[in-house]
Each structure stands twice: as C-alpha cells, then as structure tokens.
Amino acid sequence: MAKVQQITLVSLAICLSTLLGFAAAANPEEKFIVEGRVYCDTCRVEFETKISQPIKGASVKLECRNITNEKIVSHSQDVVTDEAGGYKIEVKGDHEDEICEVSLVKSPRADCNEPTEVWRKARVVLTKADGVSGTYRFANNLGYMKKEALPECKKVLTEMGYFELQDEIGEEVEDMANIFIIALLCFTICVSSSLNYSYGAAEENMHYMVVGHVYCDTCRVEFETKLSEPISGAVVKLECRNRTNEAITFQSPEIVADSHGDYHIIVEGDYEESDCDVALVRSPRADCSDPTEAWRKSRVVLTTFDGLSNKLRFANNLGFKKDIALPQCTRILKEMGYYELSQEDGDFELSQEDGDFTHSSEL
C-alpha cells in the first residue's frame, strides 16, 4: 500500500511539474534583453575592421512580425546607443511564432550615416521553445558606412588578406577613385544582367566565397570576449536547403579552420530559393568542444537577387564553449558591465559546479 501511495505522489508531482512548465512557457510576462552594438564602417567594406568606430547616439528599434502573414505583432520604441555604441532592449512575452529583428533607424554622424546593406538589421530569436533558455539575446553588430574610406584602410585590409581573397575568386582590385571605370563596370553588369534575364540564365556560374571564424568561448557566456581564443583545426560545413521542401540544394565538403580560426568556403551557383547555413562540425580541442547554443550555425545569403553584388559573404563567428570558464572571466565580464546588466534583470550568477554563467532560476 505504501508503494502505491509513493507511486501516486510521484506521478502527481510529475504531472504538476509538466503543467507548470507549460504555464511558464506560455507566460506573457516572459522577459528577454536584447543587446547589440552599432559601429561606423570606416573602410566601406560591409564588415568590421580594427579601425571601425562605435557610434554613440545611434538609434535602433526592434520589430516582431507574424511568421505566417508578416503582420507586425510588436515593436519597441527607438533606443539610443551609449558611449561604446552599445544598446539593450527589454522585450516582454515569448515570440515563438514571430520573426524579430533589430534594425537601424538613424545615425547622429553626418560623415557616417549610410546603412550597410549586409548589417542594417539583425535577427534575434525571442523564445525559449528553441532550447535556448537564457534571458539575454545578442544581436549581430549593425553598421553605417563612412562617406569616404579612411586612408589607412588599404593597409588594414591588406593585413587581413582581403585583397588576396578577392583575387582568389576572380574579382579585380579596383581603383576606387576612378569614377569612369566604375561607371563602365556598372553599365556592363547592367547589360549582362538584362541578357541573363532575357535568356533565362539563373547565375549558374556565379561563385561566392563565404568567410568566417571559429572561436573558443572561454567564459561560457555564448558570446565573444577578449579572452576568447581562435580554434585552429575546427571543422565547419555549409549546407543549403530549398525553402519550400527542405531538400538539400548545396553541401560543401568539411572545411578546416586555419591557425587563426578562420575559414573560407567556395560556393558555385545562385541560391535565391534556399536557406544556407554554415554549421559547426567538430572541434579538435577536448577542453573546448561543446557548441554554443546561439552560434553553432550562421546563415549566409547566397544570391545577387537581394541587391548584394559582392561575391564575398561573411558568416557570423561560430563558437565552442570551454569545459570550465577561465578564472579571469569574472573580472573581464565586470569590466564589460555584464554583471550590472544582469543585476538589472535580477538574478544571474556564476555556477561553481561547471563554470557556466546561468540564470538562477535554472540552478
């Protein structure tokens, strides 16, 4: 009889726990904090370099649309960036059936107010139904382009191997000041595109180079810090799937990151109707082989029909988490203001068991 009572009590407890779990998941008072940064692309290359500059006073907003009918479900007020170009947006409710994006509104700098094509908006996932339980969500950095590139850009880009990559995929390194050549090139591209449409050519011979980086998240916080380490020998692959039936339309071989944790993947063809993602495969480091939830894969757009003509496409950095966070992470995260933000949210703390930074409700 005693055993029957015990089984009944355990079953009741599990049932109540499950019901509470559903109630929590559907809780309209669920709260997320979206963080990101706005920068000035001082080299006009559509990505950050070491001479990019944070923009204080830039305005951004967050908007969520229904995934089916694309109607706006919710949106934030305009939020202004701080001294470091950083912002945070508090969002209430779980947005599982919505596509949410942070987008640029305006820049206070007259010399840097042209939104980049690639990073004028950034998508963020605002639901815990995807397996990511953290309250903090990190958006990709958004950028404006400087009206004129800085003189030192050529040196910086050469050090990055930017021009070598362009040569590898057949792009010419052009003299930006030669307006006549640029105008002629644009006219040629325009005529070529018109002929392609006329004869049904679907950019079959288009080549892209996808460039990215793999790092070790040494603080186990799901984003990069100055303590993050590049992972030489990390393996990634790129896969495209048809947006309608999810059939694989392209799959790269496994690619190994170099000594700096960088990789590049050559892709043939135009994939307007496909969703393409670079994904982590494995890490060579036994102490850093746990893929981050937020950055285990990164989407890249591989079509010229979206208005982007550049053949170089940049994927978000992908990360593996270290087994145990480094001791100096506490100091670094305090310097970043991570704990101050956490305290505003109420209850983040460092777990002593595994070195993770986790929400106390999960402990």
Protein backbone atom coordinates (compact mmCIF):
# COMPACT_ATOMS: atom_id res chain seq x y z
CA MET A 1 0.00 0.00 0.00
CA ALA A 2 2.83 2.34 0.90
CA LYS A 3 4.44 1.73 -2.51
CA VAL A 4 1.17 2.55 -4.26
CA GLN A 5 0.93 5.85 -2.37
CA GLN A 6 4.53 6.70 -3.25
CA ILE A 7 3.95 5.98 -6.95
CA THR A 8 0.78 8.09 -6.87
CA LEU A 9 2.59 11.01 -5.24
CA VAL A 10 5.48 10.84 -7.72
CA SER A 11 3.08 10.72 -10.68
CA LEU A 12 1.16 13.70 -9.29
CA ALA A 13 4.38 15.65 -8.82
CA ILE A 14 5.49 14.96 -12.40
CA CYS A 15 2.07 15.96 -13.72
CA LEU A 16 2.08 19.25 -11.77
CA SER A 17 5.64 19.96 -12.88
CA THR A 18 4.70 19.44 -16.53
CA LEU A 19 1.65 21.69 -16.24
CA LEU A 20 3.72 24.39 -14.57
CA GLY A 21 6.29 24.05 -17.34
CA PHE A 22 3.62 24.67 -19.98
CA ALA A 23 2.28 27.61 -17.99
CA ALA A 24 5.74 29.13 -17.75
CA ALA A 25 6.40 28.65 -21.46
CA ALA A 26 3.16 30.44 -22.30
CA ASN A 27 3.75 33.18 -19.78
CA PRO A 28 3.12 36.53 -21.48
CA GLU A 29 5.32 38.16 -18.84
CA GLU A 30 8.40 36.27 -20.07
CA LYS A 31 11.23 38.79 -20.43
CA PHE A 32 14.23 38.98 -22.76
CA ILE A 33 17.00 41.53 -23.01
CA VAL A 34 18.41 42.08 -26.49
CA GLU A 35 21.91 43.51 -26.66
CA GLY A 36 23.94 44.73 -29.60
CA ARG A 37 26.23 47.43 -30.92
CA VAL A 38 26.30 49.98 -33.73
CA TYR A 39 29.56 50.85 -35.48
CA CYS A 40 30.90 53.02 -38.29
CA ASP A 41 32.37 51.01 -41.16
CA THR A 42 35.27 53.37 -41.82
CA CYS A 43 36.53 51.30 -44.77
CA ARG A 44 33.16 50.87 -46.54
CA VAL A 45 33.62 47.10 -46.83
CA GLU A 46 30.37 45.94 -45.16
CA PHE A 47 32.14 44.32 -42.17
CA GLU A 48 34.04 45.37 -39.05
CA THR A 49 37.78 46.00 -39.03
CA LYS A 50 40.14 47.10 -36.27
CA ILE A 51 39.62 50.73 -37.32
CA SER A 52 35.81 50.58 -37.22
CA GLN A 53 34.39 53.08 -34.72
CA PRO A 54 31.49 52.76 -32.24
CA ILE A 55 28.66 55.23 -32.85
CA LYS A 56 27.32 56.96 -29.77
CA GLY A 57 23.74 58.22 -30.09
CA ALA A 58 22.68 55.95 -32.95
CA SER A 59 19.02 54.88 -32.87
CA VAL A 60 17.76 51.32 -33.33
CA LYS A 61 14.41 49.60 -32.91
CA LEU A 62 13.15 46.04 -32.60
CA GLU A 63 10.17 44.74 -34.53
CA CYS A 64 8.46 41.33 -34.49
CA ARG A 65 6.28 40.07 -37.36
CA ASN A 66 3.98 37.06 -37.51
CA ILE A 67 5.87 34.30 -39.34
CA THR A 68 2.78 33.42 -41.45
CA ASN A 69 1.15 36.69 -42.51
CA GLU A 70 4.08 39.05 -41.77
CA LYS A 71 1.87 41.45 -39.81
CA ILE A 72 3.66 43.49 -37.14
CA VAL A 73 2.87 41.94 -33.76
CA SER A 74 5.04 44.13 -31.54
CA HIS A 75 7.74 46.76 -31.78
CA SER A 76 9.95 48.72 -29.43
CA GLN A 77 10.47 52.42 -29.13
CA ASP A 78 13.64 53.84 -30.69
CA VAL A 79 16.60 53.04 -28.44
CA VAL A 80 19.78 55.16 -28.38
CA THR A 81 23.29 53.69 -28.13
CA ASP A 82 25.73 54.56 -25.36
CA GLU A 83 29.37 55.76 -25.46
CA ALA A 84 30.57 52.36 -26.67
CA GLY A 85 27.87 52.13 -29.36
CA GLY A 86 26.04 49.54 -27.26
CA TYR A 87 22.30 49.25 -26.65
CA LYS A 88 19.87 46.99 -24.84
CA ILE A 89 16.18 46.49 -25.49
CA GLU A 90 13.82 44.87 -22.99
CA VAL A 91 11.20 42.66 -24.60
CA LYS A 92 8.20 41.12 -22.84
CA GLY A 93 6.49 37.91 -23.86
CA ASP A 94 7.53 34.80 -25.79
CA HIS A 95 7.65 35.31 -29.57
CA GLU A 96 7.87 31.73 -30.84
CA ASP A 97 5.67 32.31 -33.92
CA GLU A 98 7.32 35.57 -34.91
CA ILE A 99 10.38 36.81 -36.77
CA CYS A 100 12.06 39.51 -34.68
CA GLU A 101 14.72 41.88 -35.99
CA VAL A 102 16.70 44.83 -34.65
CA SER A 103 17.17 47.47 -37.35
CA LEU A 104 18.98 50.77 -37.75
CA VAL A 105 16.88 53.94 -37.51
CA LYS A 106 19.33 56.83 -37.76
CA SER A 107 22.92 57.87 -37.13
CA PRO A 108 23.96 61.12 -35.42
CA ARG A 109 27.12 61.32 -37.55
CA ALA A 110 26.81 63.26 -40.81
CA ASP A 111 30.01 61.61 -42.07
CA CYS A 112 28.76 58.08 -41.30
CA ASN A 113 25.02 57.70 -41.89
CA GLU A 114 24.69 55.30 -44.83
CA PRO A 115 23.37 51.93 -43.58
CA THR A 116 25.38 48.91 -44.69
CA GLU A 117 23.48 46.53 -46.99
CA VAL A 118 24.51 43.45 -45.02
CA TRP A 119 24.18 44.72 -41.45
CA ARG A 120 21.31 47.22 -41.49
CA LYS A 121 19.23 44.72 -39.49
CA ALA A 122 19.89 41.64 -37.33
CA ARG A 123 17.53 38.78 -36.47
CA VAL A 124 17.15 37.63 -32.88
CA VAL A 125 15.31 34.59 -31.50
CA LEU A 126 12.93 35.57 -28.68
CA THR A 127 11.54 32.28 -27.46
CA LYS A 128 12.66 29.61 -25.04
CA ALA A 129 10.92 26.95 -27.12
CA ASP A 130 14.06 26.63 -29.29
CA GLY A 131 16.10 25.17 -26.43
CA VAL A 132 17.97 28.40 -25.60
CA SER A 133 16.95 29.21 -22.03
CA GLY A 134 18.93 32.40 -21.37
CA THR A 135 17.25 35.76 -20.87
CA TYR A 136 19.96 37.63 -22.77
CA ARG A 137 19.92 37.54 -26.57
CA PHE A 138 22.77 39.03 -28.60
CA ALA A 139 22.14 40.65 -31.97
CA ASN A 140 24.81 40.94 -34.66
CA ASN A 141 26.52 44.32 -34.72
CA LEU A 142 24.87 46.82 -37.08
CA GLY A 143 26.81 49.29 -39.19
CA TYR A 144 26.74 52.56 -41.06
CA MET A 145 29.32 53.29 -43.76
CA LYS A 146 31.59 56.32 -43.67
CA LYS A 147 31.12 58.64 -46.64
CA GLU A 148 34.80 58.28 -47.53
CA ALA A 149 37.04 55.40 -46.51
CA LEU A 150 39.97 56.25 -44.23
CA PRO A 151 43.43 56.38 -45.90
CA GLU A 152 44.75 53.59 -43.65
CA CYS A 153 42.05 51.13 -44.84
CA LYS A 154 44.21 49.73 -47.64
CA LYS A 155 46.93 48.78 -45.16
CA VAL A 156 44.44 47.21 -42.72
CA LEU A 157 42.64 45.23 -45.45
CA THR A 158 45.92 44.02 -46.89
CA GLU A 159 46.94 42.72 -43.44
CA MET A 160 43.61 40.86 -43.26
CA GLY A 161 44.25 39.18 -46.62
CA TYR A 162 41.14 40.85 -48.06
CA PHE A 163 42.66 41.55 -51.47
CA GLU A 164 44.13 38.04 -51.70
CA LEU A 165 40.66 36.59 -51.10
CA GLN A 166 39.21 38.79 -53.82
CA ASP A 167 41.90 37.63 -56.26
CA GLU A 168 41.17 34.00 -55.36
CA ILE A 169 37.55 34.29 -56.51
CA GLY A 170 38.41 36.34 -59.57
CA GLU A 171 37.43 39.87 -58.50
CA GLU A 172 39.56 42.76 -59.63
CA VAL A 173 41.06 45.12 -57.06
CA GLU A 174 39.81 48.39 -58.49
CA ASP A 175 40.94 51.95 -58.02
CA MET A 176 38.02 53.43 -56.05
CA ALA A 177 38.82 56.93 -57.28
CA ASN A 178 38.40 56.07 -60.96
CA ILE A 179 34.78 57.07 -61.49
CA PHE A 180 34.84 56.35 -65.20
CA ILE A 181 35.87 52.70 -64.76
CA ILE A 182 33.27 52.17 -62.04
CA ALA A 183 30.54 53.68 -64.23
CA LEU A 184 31.60 51.50 -67.15
CA LEU A 185 31.64 48.39 -64.94
CA CYS A 186 28.14 49.16 -63.61
CA PHE A 187 26.87 49.58 -67.18
CA THR A 188 28.42 46.24 -68.19
CA ILE A 189 26.86 44.45 -65.20
CA CYS A 190 23.50 46.02 -66.01
CA VAL A 191 23.62 44.84 -69.65
CA SER A 192 24.85 41.38 -68.55
CA SER A 193 22.03 41.07 -66.01
CA SER A 194 19.45 42.06 -68.64
CA LEU A 195 20.76 39.39 -71.02
CA ASN A 196 20.67 36.80 -68.23
CA TYR A 197 17.02 37.54 -67.56
CA SER A 198 16.21 37.52 -71.29
CA TYR A 199 17.72 34.10 -71.84
CA GLY A 200 16.74 32.58 -68.50
CA ALA A 201 20.30 32.34 -67.18
CA ALA A 202 19.96 31.81 -63.42
CA GLU A 203 23.50 32.83 -62.42
CA GLU A 204 24.58 29.20 -62.73
CA ASN A 205 28.25 30.20 -62.97
CA MET A 206 28.15 32.57 -60.01
CA HIS A 207 30.90 31.99 -57.46
CA TYR A 208 30.76 33.12 -53.84
CA MET A 209 33.33 32.93 -51.09
CA VAL A 210 31.92 32.52 -47.59
CA VAL A 211 34.35 33.71 -44.92
CA GLY A 212 34.08 33.13 -41.17
CA HIS A 213 35.84 32.41 -37.89
CA VAL A 214 35.60 29.75 -35.14
CA TYR A 215 36.46 30.60 -31.54
CA CYS A 216 36.53 29.09 -28.07
CA ASP A 217 34.11 30.80 -25.67
CA THR A 218 36.42 30.62 -22.66
CA CYS A 219 33.86 32.25 -20.36
CA ARG A 220 30.89 30.09 -21.41
CA VAL A 221 28.66 33.12 -21.96
CA GLU A 222 27.54 32.45 -25.56
CA PHE A 223 29.38 35.47 -27.00
CA GLU A 224 32.95 36.57 -27.68
CA THR A 225 35.11 38.38 -25.14
CA LYS A 226 38.74 39.47 -25.28
CA LEU A 227 39.57 36.15 -23.60
CA SER A 228 38.03 34.13 -26.45
CA GLU A 229 40.55 32.04 -28.37
CA PRO A 230 40.64 31.10 -32.07
CA ILE A 231 40.36 27.36 -32.71
CA SER A 232 42.86 26.11 -35.26
CA GLY A 233 41.66 22.91 -36.92
CA ALA A 234 37.96 23.39 -36.15
CA VAL A 235 35.74 21.82 -38.82
CA VAL A 236 32.71 23.51 -40.41
CA LYS A 237 30.48 22.85 -43.41
CA LEU A 238 27.95 24.81 -45.44
CA GLU A 239 24.55 23.45 -46.43
CA CYS A 240 21.71 24.99 -48.44
CA ARG A 241 18.15 23.68 -48.34
CA ASN A 242 15.19 24.54 -50.54
CA ARG A 243 12.96 26.92 -48.62
CA THR A 244 9.78 25.03 -49.62
CA ASN A 245 10.54 21.31 -49.37
CA GLU A 246 13.85 21.47 -47.40
CA ALA A 247 15.65 19.33 -49.98
CA ILE A 248 19.45 19.86 -49.92
CA THR A 249 20.48 22.11 -52.84
CA PHE A 250 24.17 22.51 -51.95
CA GLN A 251 26.54 20.87 -49.50
CA SER A 252 30.20 21.76 -49.12
CA PRO A 253 32.91 19.33 -48.04
CA GLU A 254 34.07 19.71 -44.44
CA ILE A 255 36.35 22.74 -44.16
CA VAL A 256 39.15 23.08 -41.58
CA ALA A 257 39.90 26.43 -39.95
CA ASP A 258 43.44 27.79 -40.24
CA SER A 259 45.84 28.76 -37.43
CA HIS A 260 43.78 31.93 -36.79
CA GLY A 261 40.49 30.02 -36.59
CA ASP A 262 39.45 31.43 -39.98
CA TYR A 263 37.93 29.51 -42.90
CA HIS A 264 36.63 30.19 -46.38
CA ILE A 265 34.24 28.14 -48.48
CA ILE A 266 33.85 28.42 -52.27
CA VAL A 267 30.25 28.09 -53.47
CA GLU A 268 29.10 27.77 -57.10
CA GLY A 269 25.66 28.87 -58.20
CA ASP A 270 22.94 31.24 -57.02
CA TYR A 271 20.68 30.06 -54.17
CA GLU A 272 17.82 32.57 -54.19
CA GLU A 273 15.25 29.93 -53.19
CA SER A 274 17.38 28.29 -50.50
CA ASP A 275 18.32 28.94 -46.87
CA CYS A 276 22.07 28.47 -46.47
CA ASP A 277 23.84 27.91 -43.14
CA VAL A 278 27.44 27.38 -42.07
CA ALA A 279 27.45 24.93 -39.15
CA LEU A 280 29.99 23.64 -36.68
CA VAL A 281 31.01 20.00 -37.19
CA ARG A 282 33.66 19.36 -34.55
CA SER A 283 36.46 20.92 -32.51
CA PRO A 284 39.98 19.49 -32.18
CA ARG A 285 40.17 20.73 -28.58
CA ALA A 286 38.99 18.27 -25.93
CA ASP A 287 38.64 21.16 -23.44
CA CYS A 288 36.52 23.25 -25.82
CA SER A 289 34.18 21.07 -27.86
CA ASP A 290 30.67 21.99 -26.64
CA PRO A 291 28.91 24.01 -29.42
CA THR A 292 27.31 27.24 -28.22
CA GLU A 293 23.52 27.33 -28.48
CA ALA A 294 23.48 30.78 -30.06
CA TRP A 295 26.38 30.40 -32.52
CA ARG A 296 26.52 26.74 -33.58
CA LYS A 297 25.37 27.81 -37.05
CA SER A 298 25.22 31.02 -39.07
CA ARG A 299 23.01 31.92 -42.02
CA VAL A 300 24.51 33.44 -45.17
CA VAL A 301 22.69 34.90 -48.18
CA LEU A 302 23.98 33.41 -51.45
CA THR A 303 22.10 35.26 -54.16
CA THR A 304 22.61 38.51 -56.07
CA PHE A 305 18.85 38.99 -56.33
CA ASP A 306 18.80 40.55 -52.84
CA GLY A 307 20.70 43.60 -54.11
CA LEU A 308 24.12 42.48 -52.82
CA SER A 309 26.61 42.22 -55.68
CA ASN A 310 29.72 41.42 -53.63
CA LYS A 311 30.97 37.84 -54.06
CA LEU A 312 32.47 37.79 -50.57
CA ARG A 313 29.89 36.81 -47.95
CA PHE A 314 30.70 36.97 -44.23
CA ALA A 315 29.23 34.50 -41.75
CA ASN A 316 28.83 35.27 -38.05
CA ASN A 317 31.62 33.87 -35.90
CA LEU A 318 30.84 30.38 -34.57
CA GLY A 319 31.83 29.17 -31.12
CA PHE A 320 32.53 26.15 -28.96
CA LYS A 321 32.36 26.54 -25.16
CA LYS A 322 35.26 25.70 -22.86
CA ASP A 323 34.51 22.92 -20.36
CA ILE A 324 35.26 25.23 -17.42
CA ALA A 325 35.29 29.03 -17.58
CA LEU A 326 38.66 30.71 -17.05
CA PRO A 327 39.18 32.28 -13.58
CA GLN A 328 39.73 35.75 -15.07
CA CYS A 329 36.29 35.75 -16.73
CA THR A 330 34.67 37.30 -13.66
CA ARG A 331 36.91 40.37 -13.93
CA ILE A 332 36.51 40.68 -17.72
CA LEU A 333 32.72 40.40 -17.58
CA LYS A 334 32.55 43.01 -14.83
CA GLU A 335 34.63 45.36 -16.99
CA MET A 336 32.13 44.79 -19.81
CA GLY A 337 29.24 45.72 -17.49
CA TYR A 338 27.80 42.21 -17.87
CA TYR A 339 27.05 41.86 -14.14
CA GLU A 340 25.48 45.31 -13.97
CA LEU A 341 23.08 44.34 -16.76
CA SER A 342 22.46 41.01 -15.07
CA GLN A 343 21.61 42.66 -11.77
CA GLU A 344 19.10 44.90 -13.56
CA ASP A 345 17.48 41.75 -14.89
CA GLY A 346 17.54 40.40 -11.39
CA ASP A 347 19.24 37.10 -10.87
CA PHE A 348 22.31 35.98 -12.83
CA GLU A 349 25.15 34.29 -11.04
CA LEU A 350 28.19 32.08 -11.66
CA SER A 351 27.63 28.38 -11.15
CA GLN A 352 30.57 26.90 -9.23
CA GLU A 353 29.92 23.36 -10.48
CA ASP A 354 30.61 23.79 -14.18
CA GLY A 355 31.80 27.35 -14.56
CA ASP A 356 28.73 28.41 -16.53
CA PHE A 357 27.10 31.80 -16.23
CA THR A 358 23.45 30.86 -15.78
CA HIS A 359 20.11 32.20 -14.68
CA SER A 360 19.46 31.38 -11.03
CA SER A 361 16.01 30.01 -11.81
CA GLU A 362 17.77 27.15 -13.62
CA LEU A 363 20.01 26.27 -10.69
